[in-house]
Amino acid sequence: ITTAADLQERVLYFHTMSNRRVRTIDLKRVDFTKPG
């Protein structure tokens, strides 16, 4: 896996050995109050 984290925008990017498509997780849009 190869990752890149934009620390200002708080977005994690990655692609893997099996799929070179870049995928993202935008932490600003995650509900961190949700339990579990």
PDB file of all heavy atoms in Angstrom:
ATOM      1  N   ILE A   1       0.851  -1.186   0.000  1.00  0.00           N
ATOM      2  CA  ILE A   1       0.000   0.000   0.000  1.00  0.00           C
ATOM      3  C   ILE A   1       0.887   1.237   0.000  1.00  0.00           C
ATOM      4  O   ILE A   1       1.986   1.229   0.560  1.00  0.00           O
ATOM      5  CB  ILE A   1      -0.964   0.012   1.212  1.00  0.00           C
ATOM      6  CG1 ILE A   1      -2.012   1.128   1.074  1.00  0.00           C
ATOM      7  CG2 ILE A   1      -0.215   0.109   2.521  1.00  0.00           C
ATOM      8  CD1 ILE A   1      -3.145   1.032   2.094  1.00  0.00           C
ATOM      9  N   THR A   2       0.437   2.285  -0.680  1.00  0.00           N
ATOM     10  CA  THR A   2       1.105   3.579  -0.685  1.00  0.00           C
ATOM     11  C   THR A   2       0.089   4.611  -0.226  1.00  0.00           C
ATOM     12  O   THR A   2      -1.032   4.649  -0.734  1.00  0.00           O
ATOM     13  CB  THR A   2       1.627   3.930  -2.086  1.00  0.00           C
ATOM     14  OG1 THR A   2       2.515   2.900  -2.529  1.00  0.00           O
ATOM     15  CG2 THR A   2       2.391   5.250  -2.072  1.00  0.00           C
ATOM     16  N   THR A   3       0.471   5.432   0.746  1.00  0.00           N
ATOM     17  CA  THR A   3      -0.463   6.406   1.310  1.00  0.00           C
ATOM     18  C   THR A   3       0.079   7.816   1.156  1.00  0.00           C
ATOM     19  O   THR A   3       1.289   8.039   1.058  1.00  0.00           O
ATOM     20  CB  THR A   3      -0.711   6.147   2.808  1.00  0.00           C
ATOM     21  OG1 THR A   3       0.477   6.462   3.547  1.00  0.00           O
ATOM     22  CG2 THR A   3      -1.113   4.699   3.058  1.00  0.00           C
ATOM     23  N   ALA A   4      -0.835   8.782   1.153  1.00  0.00           N
ATOM     24  CA  ALA A   4      -0.483  10.192   1.213  1.00  0.00           C
ATOM     25  C   ALA A   4      -1.531  10.883   2.059  1.00  0.00           C
ATOM     26  O   ALA A   4      -2.738  10.701   1.831  1.00  0.00           O
ATOM     27  CB  ALA A   4      -0.427  10.817  -0.184  1.00  0.00           C
ATOM     28  N   ALA A   5      -1.102  11.654   3.045  1.00  0.00           N
ATOM     29  CA  ALA A   5      -2.018  12.334   3.946  1.00  0.00           C
ATOM     30  C   ALA A   5      -1.846  13.839   3.795  1.00  0.00           C
ATOM     31  O   ALA A   5      -0.742  14.367   3.977  1.00  0.00           O
ATOM     32  CB  ALA A   5      -1.767  11.913   5.390  1.00  0.00           C
ATOM     33  N   ASP A   6      -2.929  14.527   3.430  1.00  0.00           N
ATOM     34  CA  ASP A   6      -2.953  15.982   3.361  1.00  0.00           C
ATOM     35  C   ASP A   6      -3.307  16.474   4.759  1.00  0.00           C
ATOM     36  O   ASP A   6      -4.460  16.389   5.187  1.00  0.00           O
ATOM     37  CB  ASP A   6      -4.002  16.421   2.333  1.00  0.00           C
ATOM     38  CG  ASP A   6      -4.026  17.932   2.122  1.00  0.00           C
ATOM     39  OD1 ASP A   6      -3.634  18.669   3.051  1.00  0.00           O
ATOM     40  OD2 ASP A   6      -4.461  18.369   1.035  1.00  0.00           O
ATOM     41  N   LEU A   7      -2.315  16.982   5.477  1.00  0.00           N
ATOM     42  CA  LEU A   7      -2.513  17.312   6.884  1.00  0.00           C
ATOM     43  C   LEU A   7      -3.317  18.591   7.075  1.00  0.00           C
ATOM     44  O   LEU A   7      -3.972  18.763   8.105  1.00  0.00           O
ATOM     45  CB  LEU A   7      -1.154  17.441   7.586  1.00  0.00           C
ATOM     46  CG  LEU A   7      -0.231  16.218   7.462  1.00  0.00           C
ATOM     47  CD1 LEU A   7       0.993  16.387   8.346  1.00  0.00           C
ATOM     48  CD2 LEU A   7      -0.959  14.927   7.792  1.00  0.00           C
ATOM     49  N   GLN A   8      -3.278  19.488   6.106  1.00  0.00           N
ATOM     50  CA  GLN A   8      -4.063  20.709   6.196  1.00  0.00           C
ATOM     51  C   GLN A   8      -5.541  20.437   5.934  1.00  0.00           C
ATOM     52  O   GLN A   8      -6.420  20.896   6.665  1.00  0.00           O
ATOM     53  CB  GLN A   8      -3.547  21.742   5.194  1.00  0.00           C
ATOM     54  CG  GLN A   8      -4.331  23.046   5.165  1.00  0.00           C
ATOM     55  CD  GLN A   8      -3.680  24.078   4.262  1.00  0.00           C
ATOM     56  OE1 GLN A   8      -2.898  24.920   4.717  1.00  0.00           O
ATOM     57  NE2 GLN A   8      -3.982  24.017   2.978  1.00  0.00           N
ATOM     58  N   GLU A   9      -5.812  19.649   4.896  1.00  0.00           N
ATOM     59  CA  GLU A   9      -7.197  19.335   4.537  1.00  0.00           C
ATOM     60  C   GLU A   9      -7.721  18.110   5.277  1.00  0.00           C
ATOM     61  O   GLU A   9      -8.909  17.804   5.205  1.00  0.00           O
ATOM     62  CB  GLU A   9      -7.305  19.115   3.032  1.00  0.00           C
ATOM     63  CG  GLU A   9      -6.966  20.343   2.211  1.00  0.00           C
ATOM     64  CD  GLU A   9      -7.897  21.507   2.498  1.00  0.00           C
ATOM     65  OE1 GLU A   9      -9.098  21.256   2.755  1.00  0.00           O
ATOM     66  OE2 GLU A   9      -7.436  22.661   2.466  1.00  0.00           O
ATOM     67  N   ARG A  10      -6.817  17.374   5.927  1.00  0.00           N
ATOM     68  CA  ARG A  10      -7.160  16.188   6.716  1.00  0.00           C
ATOM     69  C   ARG A  10      -7.855  15.119   5.861  1.00  0.00           C
ATOM     70  O   ARG A  10      -8.948  14.637   6.181  1.00  0.00           O
ATOM     71  CB  ARG A  10      -8.003  16.578   7.936  1.00  0.00           C
ATOM     72  CG  ARG A  10      -7.278  17.572   8.827  1.00  0.00           C
ATOM     73  CD  ARG A  10      -7.981  17.871  10.105  1.00  0.00           C
ATOM     74  NE  ARG A  10      -9.265  18.530   9.945  1.00  0.00           N
ATOM     75  CZ  ARG A  10      -9.431  19.817   9.637  1.00  0.00           C
ATOM     76  NH1 ARG A  10      -8.366  20.580   9.415  1.00  0.00           N
ATOM     77  NH2 ARG A  10     -10.638  20.340   9.546  1.00  0.00           N
ATOM     78  N   VAL A  11      -7.187  14.818   4.766  1.00  0.00           N
ATOM     79  CA  VAL A  11      -7.666  13.784   3.846  1.00  0.00           C
ATOM     80  C   VAL A  11      -6.567  12.742   3.679  1.00  0.00           C
ATOM     81  O   VAL A  11      -5.403  13.085   3.439  1.00  0.00           O
ATOM     82  CB  VAL A  11      -8.040  14.365   2.468  1.00  0.00           C
ATOM     83  CG1 VAL A  11      -8.522  13.251   1.531  1.00  0.00           C
ATOM     84  CG2 VAL A  11      -9.116  15.447   2.604  1.00  0.00           C
ATOM     85  N   LEU A  12      -6.940  11.471   3.822  1.00  0.00           N
ATOM     86  CA  LEU A  12      -6.021  10.360   3.608  1.00  0.00           C
ATOM     87  C   LEU A  12      -6.278   9.763   2.233  1.00  0.00           C
ATOM     88  O   LEU A  12      -7.426   9.457   1.885  1.00  0.00           O
ATOM     89  CB  LEU A  12      -6.215   9.291   4.678  1.00  0.00           C
ATOM     90  CG  LEU A  12      -5.343   8.034   4.541  1.00  0.00           C
ATOM     91  CD1 LEU A  12      -3.879   8.366   4.784  1.00  0.00           C
ATOM     92  CD2 LEU A  12      -5.806   6.947   5.506  1.00  0.00           C
ATOM     93  N   TYR A  13      -5.221   9.610   1.447  1.00  0.00           N
ATOM     94  CA  TYR A  13      -5.281   9.004   0.119  1.00  0.00           C
ATOM     95  C   TYR A  13      -4.479   7.710   0.153  1.00  0.00           C
ATOM     96  O   TYR A  13      -3.474   7.613   0.854  1.00  0.00           O
ATOM     97  CB  TYR A  13      -4.655   9.914  -0.935  1.00  0.00           C
ATOM     98  CG  TYR A  13      -5.292  11.265  -1.128  1.00  0.00           C
ATOM     99  CD1 TYR A  13      -5.096  12.296  -0.205  1.00  0.00           C
ATOM    100  CD2 TYR A  13      -6.058  11.539  -2.264  1.00  0.00           C
ATOM    101  CE1 TYR A  13      -5.663  13.549  -0.397  1.00  0.00           C
ATOM    102  CE2 TYR A  13      -6.626  12.799  -2.459  1.00  0.00           C
ATOM    103  CZ  TYR A  13      -6.417  13.804  -1.524  1.00  0.00           C
ATOM    104  OH  TYR A  13      -6.973  15.038  -1.718  1.00  0.00           O
ATOM    105  N   PHE A  14      -4.873   6.731  -0.663  1.00  0.00           N
ATOM    106  CA  PHE A  14      -4.065   5.515  -0.758  1.00  0.00           C
ATOM    107  C   PHE A  14      -4.386   4.753  -2.029  1.00  0.00           C
ATOM    108  O   PHE A  14      -5.464   4.892  -2.614  1.00  0.00           O
ATOM    109  CB  PHE A  14      -4.288   4.608   0.459  1.00  0.00           C
ATOM    110  CG  PHE A  14      -5.654   3.972   0.534  1.00  0.00           C
ATOM    111  CD1 PHE A  14      -5.875   2.696   0.022  1.00  0.00           C
ATOM    112  CD2 PHE A  14      -6.719   4.649   1.109  1.00  0.00           C
ATOM    113  CE1 PHE A  14      -7.130   2.101   0.095  1.00  0.00           C
ATOM    114  CE2 PHE A  14      -7.975   4.069   1.186  1.00  0.00           C
ATOM    115  CZ  PHE A  14      -8.179   2.791   0.680  1.00  0.00           C
ATOM    116  N   HIS A  15      -3.421   3.962  -2.487  1.00  0.00           N
ATOM    117  CA  HIS A  15      -3.670   2.922  -3.486  1.00  0.00           C
ATOM    118  C   HIS A  15      -2.907   1.684  -3.059  1.00  0.00           C
ATOM    119  O   HIS A  15      -1.985   1.750  -2.232  1.00  0.00           O
ATOM    120  CB  HIS A  15      -3.325   3.365  -4.911  1.00  0.00           C
ATOM    121  CG  HIS A  15      -1.889   3.729  -5.146  1.00  0.00           C
ATOM    122  ND1 HIS A  15      -0.870   2.805  -5.186  1.00  0.00           N
ATOM    123  CD2 HIS A  15      -1.302   4.932  -5.393  1.00  0.00           C
ATOM    124  CE1 HIS A  15       0.279   3.400  -5.440  1.00  0.00           C
ATOM    125  NE2 HIS A  15       0.047   4.707  -5.566  1.00  0.00           N
ATOM    126  N   THR A  16      -3.287   0.535  -3.574  1.00  0.00           N
ATOM    127  CA  THR A  16      -2.752  -0.730  -3.085  1.00  0.00           C
ATOM    128  C   THR A  16      -2.067  -1.503  -4.199  1.00  0.00           C
ATOM    129  O   THR A  16      -2.144  -1.152  -5.382  1.00  0.00           O
ATOM    130  CB  THR A  16      -3.863  -1.603  -2.487  1.00  0.00           C
ATOM    131  OG1 THR A  16      -4.750  -2.013  -3.539  1.00  0.00           O
ATOM    132  CG2 THR A  16      -4.649  -0.834  -1.433  1.00  0.00           C
ATOM    133  N   MET A  17      -1.427  -2.606  -3.799  1.00  0.00           N
ATOM    134  CA  MET A  17      -0.729  -3.447  -4.764  1.00  0.00           C
ATOM    135  C   MET A  17      -1.696  -4.082  -5.754  1.00  0.00           C
ATOM    136  O   MET A  17      -1.308  -4.445  -6.866  1.00  0.00           O
ATOM    137  CB  MET A  17       0.059  -4.548  -4.044  1.00  0.00           C
ATOM    138  CG  MET A  17      -0.791  -5.542  -3.279  1.00  0.00           C
ATOM    139  SD  MET A  17       0.185  -6.874  -2.539  1.00  0.00           S
ATOM    140  CE  MET A  17      -1.081  -7.721  -1.579  1.00  0.00           C
ATOM    141  N   SER A  18      -2.954  -4.217  -5.360  1.00  0.00           N
ATOM    142  CA  SER A  18      -3.923  -4.910  -6.199  1.00  0.00           C
ATOM    143  C   SER A  18      -4.823  -3.973  -6.995  1.00  0.00           C
ATOM    144  O   SER A  18      -5.500  -4.405  -7.915  1.00  0.00           O
ATOM    145  CB  SER A  18      -4.810  -5.814  -5.330  1.00  0.00           C
ATOM    146  OG  SER A  18      -4.033  -6.733  -4.610  1.00  0.00           O
ATOM    147  N   ASN A  19      -4.823  -2.693  -6.612  1.00  0.00           N
ATOM    148  CA  ASN A  19      -5.680  -1.728  -7.295  1.00  0.00           C
ATOM    149  C   ASN A  19      -5.039  -0.353  -7.176  1.00  0.00           C
ATOM    150  O   ASN A  19      -5.011   0.247  -6.104  1.00  0.00           O
ATOM    151  CB  ASN A  19      -7.080  -1.727  -6.672  1.00  0.00           C
ATOM    152  CG  ASN A  19      -8.063  -0.868  -7.453  1.00  0.00           C
ATOM    153  OD1 ASN A  19      -7.687  -0.020  -8.245  1.00  0.00           O
ATOM    154  ND2 ASN A  19      -9.342  -1.092  -7.214  1.00  0.00           N
ATOM    155  N   ARG A  20      -4.528   0.150  -8.307  1.00  0.00           N
ATOM    156  CA  ARG A  20      -3.811   1.418  -8.307  1.00  0.00           C
ATOM    157  C   ARG A  20      -4.744   2.632  -8.296  1.00  0.00           C
ATOM    158  O   ARG A  20      -4.275   3.771  -8.285  1.00  0.00           O
ATOM    159  CB  ARG A  20      -2.899   1.489  -9.531  1.00  0.00           C
ATOM    160  CG  ARG A  20      -1.811   0.442  -9.553  1.00  0.00           C
ATOM    161  CD  ARG A  20      -0.603   0.854  -8.761  1.00  0.00           C
ATOM    162  NE  ARG A  20       0.102   1.955  -9.374  1.00  0.00           N
ATOM    163  CZ  ARG A  20       1.233   2.478  -8.910  1.00  0.00           C
ATOM    164  NH1 ARG A  20       1.767   1.981  -7.806  1.00  0.00           N
ATOM    165  NH2 ARG A  20       1.812   3.481  -9.517  1.00  0.00           N
ATOM    166  N   ARG A  21      -6.030   2.397  -8.307  1.00  0.00           N
ATOM    167  CA  ARG A  21      -6.947   3.524  -8.202  1.00  0.00           C
ATOM    168  C   ARG A  21      -6.768   4.196  -6.848  1.00  0.00           C
ATOM    169  O   ARG A  21      -6.749   3.536  -5.802  1.00  0.00           O
ATOM    170  CB  ARG A  21      -8.400   3.054  -8.334  1.00  0.00           C
ATOM    171  CG  ARG A  21      -9.402   4.202  -8.289  1.00  0.00           C
ATOM    172  CD  ARG A  21     -10.827   3.698  -8.369  1.00  0.00           C
ATOM    173  NE  ARG A  21     -11.751   4.797  -8.524  1.00  0.00           N
ATOM    174  CZ  ARG A  21     -13.073   4.654  -8.569  1.00  0.00           C
ATOM    175  NH1 ARG A  21     -13.607   3.444  -8.486  1.00  0.00           N
ATOM    176  NH2 ARG A  21     -13.851   5.703  -8.703  1.00  0.00           N
ATOM    177  N   VAL A  22      -6.644   5.527  -6.846  1.00  0.00           N
ATOM    178  CA  VAL A  22      -6.466   6.262  -5.597  1.00  0.00           C
ATOM    179  C   VAL A  22      -7.825   6.417  -4.927  1.00  0.00           C
ATOM    180  O   VAL A  22      -8.798   6.859  -5.530  1.00  0.00           O
ATOM    181  CB  VAL A  22      -5.832   7.640  -5.855  1.00  0.00           C
ATOM    182  CG1 VAL A  22      -5.769   8.448  -4.570  1.00  0.00           C
ATOM    183  CG2 VAL A  22      -4.433   7.475  -6.445  1.00  0.00           C
ATOM    184  N   ARG A  23      -7.873   6.045  -3.648  1.00  0.00           N
ATOM    185  CA  ARG A  23      -9.083   6.184  -2.843  1.00  0.00           C
ATOM    186  C   ARG A  23      -8.814   7.146  -1.682  1.00  0.00           C
ATOM    187  O   ARG A  23      -7.671   7.317  -1.277  1.00  0.00           O
ATOM    188  CB  ARG A  23      -9.516   4.814  -2.319  1.00  0.00           C
ATOM    189  CG  ARG A  23     -10.149   3.953  -3.407  1.00  0.00           C
ATOM    190  CD  ARG A  23      -9.918   2.475  -3.209  1.00  0.00           C
ATOM    191  NE  ARG A  23      -8.593   2.082  -3.674  1.00  0.00           N
ATOM    192  CZ  ARG A  23      -8.112   0.835  -3.583  1.00  0.00           C
ATOM    193  NH1 ARG A  23      -8.846  -0.102  -3.034  1.00  0.00           N
ATOM    194  NH2 ARG A  23      -6.915   0.549  -4.040  1.00  0.00           N
ATOM    195  N   THR A  24      -9.857   7.789  -1.176  1.00  0.00           N
ATOM    196  CA  THR A  24      -9.676   8.809  -0.152  1.00  0.00           C
ATOM    197  C   THR A  24     -10.649   8.619   1.000  1.00  0.00           C
ATOM    198  O   THR A  24     -11.723   8.031   0.849  1.00  0.00           O
ATOM    199  CB  THR A  24      -9.898  10.230  -0.718  1.00  0.00           C
ATOM    200  OG1 THR A  24     -11.279  10.393  -1.066  1.00  0.00           O
ATOM    201  CG2 THR A  24      -9.038  10.486  -1.929  1.00  0.00           C
ATOM    202  N   ILE A  25     -10.232   9.150   2.152  1.00  0.00           N
ATOM    203  CA  ILE A  25     -11.111   9.301   3.307  1.00  0.00           C
ATOM    204  C   ILE A  25     -10.938  10.739   3.787  1.00  0.00           C
ATOM    205  O   ILE A  25      -9.838  11.141   4.186  1.00  0.00           O
ATOM    206  CB  ILE A  25     -10.759   8.323   4.435  1.00  0.00           C
ATOM    207  CG1 ILE A  25     -10.901   6.877   3.959  1.00  0.00           C
ATOM    208  CG2 ILE A  25     -11.667   8.564   5.642  1.00  0.00           C
ATOM    209  CD1 ILE A  25     -10.463   5.862   4.989  1.00  0.00           C
ATOM    210  N   ASP A  26     -12.021  11.526   3.736  1.00  0.00           N
ATOM    211  CA  ASP A  26     -12.000  12.918   4.175  1.00  0.00           C
ATOM    212  C   ASP A  26     -12.429  12.957   5.639  1.00  0.00           C
ATOM    213  O   ASP A  26     -13.611  12.787   5.960  1.00  0.00           O
ATOM    214  CB  ASP A  26     -12.947  13.743   3.301  1.00  0.00           C
ATOM    215  CG  ASP A  26     -12.868  15.233   3.603  1.00  0.00           C
ATOM    216  OD1 ASP A  26     -12.363  15.609   4.685  1.00  0.00           O
ATOM    217  OD2 ASP A  26     -13.336  16.033   2.770  1.00  0.00           O
ATOM    218  N   LEU A  27     -11.472  13.186   6.530  1.00  0.00           N
ATOM    219  CA  LEU A  27     -11.774  13.138   7.958  1.00  0.00           C
ATOM    220  C   LEU A  27     -12.686  14.279   8.403  1.00  0.00           C
ATOM    221  O   LEU A  27     -13.343  14.176   9.434  1.00  0.00           O
ATOM    222  CB  LEU A  27     -10.488  13.139   8.780  1.00  0.00           C
ATOM    223  CG  LEU A  27      -9.829  11.756   8.994  1.00  0.00           C
ATOM    224  CD1 LEU A  27      -9.309  11.186   7.688  1.00  0.00           C
ATOM    225  CD2 LEU A  27      -8.731  11.826  10.031  1.00  0.00           C
ATOM    226  N   LYS A  28     -12.744  15.363   7.604  1.00  0.00           N
ATOM    227  CA  LYS A  28     -13.637  16.470   7.962  1.00  0.00           C
ATOM    228  C   LYS A  28     -15.100  16.061   7.831  1.00  0.00           C
ATOM    229  O   LYS A  28     -15.983  16.669   8.435  1.00  0.00           O
ATOM    230  CB  LYS A  28     -13.368  17.677   7.067  1.00  0.00           C
ATOM    231  CG  LYS A  28     -11.955  18.245   7.153  1.00  0.00           C
ATOM    232  CD  LYS A  28     -11.802  19.538   6.385  1.00  0.00           C
ATOM    233  CE  LYS A  28     -12.150  19.393   4.911  1.00  0.00           C
ATOM    234  NZ  LYS A  28     -11.271  18.431   4.218  1.00  0.00           N
ATOM    235  N   ARG A  29     -15.367  15.044   7.038  1.00  0.00           N
ATOM    236  CA  ARG A  29     -16.738  14.613   6.800  1.00  0.00           C
ATOM    237  C   ARG A  29     -17.118  13.374   7.614  1.00  0.00           C
ATOM    238  O   ARG A  29     -18.223  12.847   7.476  1.00  0.00           O
ATOM    239  CB  ARG A  29     -16.932  14.333   5.303  1.00  0.00           C
ATOM    240  CG  ARG A  29     -16.858  15.599   4.463  1.00  0.00           C
ATOM    241  CD  ARG A  29     -16.615  15.295   2.984  1.00  0.00           C
ATOM    242  NE  ARG A  29     -17.477  14.224   2.506  1.00  0.00           N
ATOM    243  CZ  ARG A  29     -17.165  13.424   1.477  1.00  0.00           C
ATOM    244  NH1 ARG A  29     -16.008  13.571   0.852  1.00  0.00           N
ATOM    245  NH2 ARG A  29     -17.999  12.490   1.100  1.00  0.00           N
ATOM    246  N   VAL A  30     -16.220  12.905   8.440  1.00  0.00           N
ATOM    247  CA  VAL A  30     -16.497  11.729   9.258  1.00  0.00           C
ATOM    248  C   VAL A  30     -17.162  12.157  10.563  1.00  0.00           C
ATOM    249  O   VAL A  30     -16.731  13.127  11.205  1.00  0.00           O
ATOM    250  CB  VAL A  30     -15.194  10.957   9.564  1.00  0.00           C
ATOM    251  CG1 VAL A  30     -15.462   9.811  10.541  1.00  0.00           C
ATOM    252  CG2 VAL A  30     -14.581  10.419   8.277  1.00  0.00           C
ATOM    253  N   ASP A  31     -18.194  11.443  10.967  1.00  0.00           N
ATOM    254  CA  ASP A  31     -18.856  11.709  12.245  1.00  0.00           C
ATOM    255  C   ASP A  31     -18.107  10.965  13.350  1.00  0.00           C
ATOM    256  O   ASP A  31     -18.346   9.778  13.590  1.00  0.00           O
ATOM    257  CB  ASP A  31     -20.316  11.261  12.180  1.00  0.00           C
ATOM    258  CG  ASP A  31     -21.072  11.540  13.476  1.00  0.00           C
ATOM    259  OD1 ASP A  31     -20.469  12.133  14.401  1.00  0.00           O
ATOM    260  OD2 ASP A  31     -22.252  11.142  13.579  1.00  0.00           O
ATOM    261  N   PHE A  32     -17.204  11.672  14.013  1.00  0.00           N
ATOM    262  CA  PHE A  32     -16.397  11.047  15.055  1.00  0.00           C
ATOM    263  C   PHE A  32     -17.120  10.977  16.396  1.00  0.00           C
ATOM    264  O   PHE A  32     -16.542  10.535  17.385  1.00  0.00           O
ATOM    265  CB  PHE A  32     -15.068  11.788  15.211  1.00  0.00           C
ATOM    266  CG  PHE A  32     -14.094  11.518  14.099  1.00  0.00           C
ATOM    267  CD1 PHE A  32     -13.795  12.495  13.158  1.00  0.00           C
ATOM    268  CD2 PHE A  32     -13.478  10.279  13.991  1.00  0.00           C
ATOM    269  CE1 PHE A  32     -12.890  12.246  12.138  1.00  0.00           C
ATOM    270  CE2 PHE A  32     -12.575  10.016  12.973  1.00  0.00           C
ATOM    271  CZ  PHE A  32     -12.286  11.001  12.041  1.00  0.00           C
ATOM    272  N   THR A  33     -18.375  11.426  16.434  1.00  0.00           N
ATOM    273  CA  THR A  33     -19.165  11.249  17.651  1.00  0.00           C
ATOM    274  C   THR A  33     -19.904   9.924  17.656  1.00  0.00           C
ATOM    275  O   THR A  33     -20.441   9.508  18.684  1.00  0.00           O
ATOM    276  CB  THR A  33     -20.191  12.382  17.795  1.00  0.00           C
ATOM    277  OG1 THR A  33     -21.164  12.298  16.737  1.00  0.00           O
ATOM    278  CG2 THR A  33     -19.521  13.746  17.754  1.00  0.00           C
ATOM    279  N   LYS A  34     -19.945   9.260  16.526  1.00  0.00           N
ATOM    280  CA  LYS A  34     -20.639   7.976  16.419  1.00  0.00           C
ATOM    281  C   LYS A  34     -19.878   6.921  17.216  1.00  0.00           C
ATOM    282  O   LYS A  34     -18.691   6.688  16.991  1.00  0.00           O
ATOM    283  CB  LYS A  34     -20.723   7.563  14.952  1.00  0.00           C
ATOM    284  CG  LYS A  34     -21.424   6.248  14.700  1.00  0.00           C
ATOM    285  CD  LYS A  34     -21.426   5.936  13.201  1.00  0.00           C
ATOM    286  CE  LYS A  34     -22.063   4.576  12.929  1.00  0.00           C
ATOM    287  NZ  LYS A  34     -22.034   4.239  11.476  1.00  0.00           N
ATOM    288  N   PRO A  35     -20.528   6.257  18.173  1.00  0.00           N
ATOM    289  CA  PRO A  35     -19.813   5.270  18.999  1.00  0.00           C
ATOM    290  C   PRO A  35     -19.410   4.038  18.197  1.00  0.00           C
ATOM    291  O   PRO A  35     -20.017   3.700  17.182  1.00  0.00           O
ATOM    292  CB  PRO A  35     -20.841   4.921  20.082  1.00  0.00           C
ATOM    293  CG  PRO A  35     -22.162   5.209  19.456  1.00  0.00           C
ATOM    294  CD  PRO A  35     -21.953   6.375  18.547  1.00  0.00           C
ATOM    295  N   GLY A  36     -18.399   3.381  18.693  1.00  0.00           N
ATOM    296  CA  GLY A  36     -17.929   2.164  18.032  1.00  0.00           C
ATOM    297  C   GLY A  36     -16.992   2.477  16.880  1.00  0.00           C
ATOM    298  O   GLY A  36     -16.918   3.605  16.388  1.00  0.00           O
TER     299      GLY A  36
END
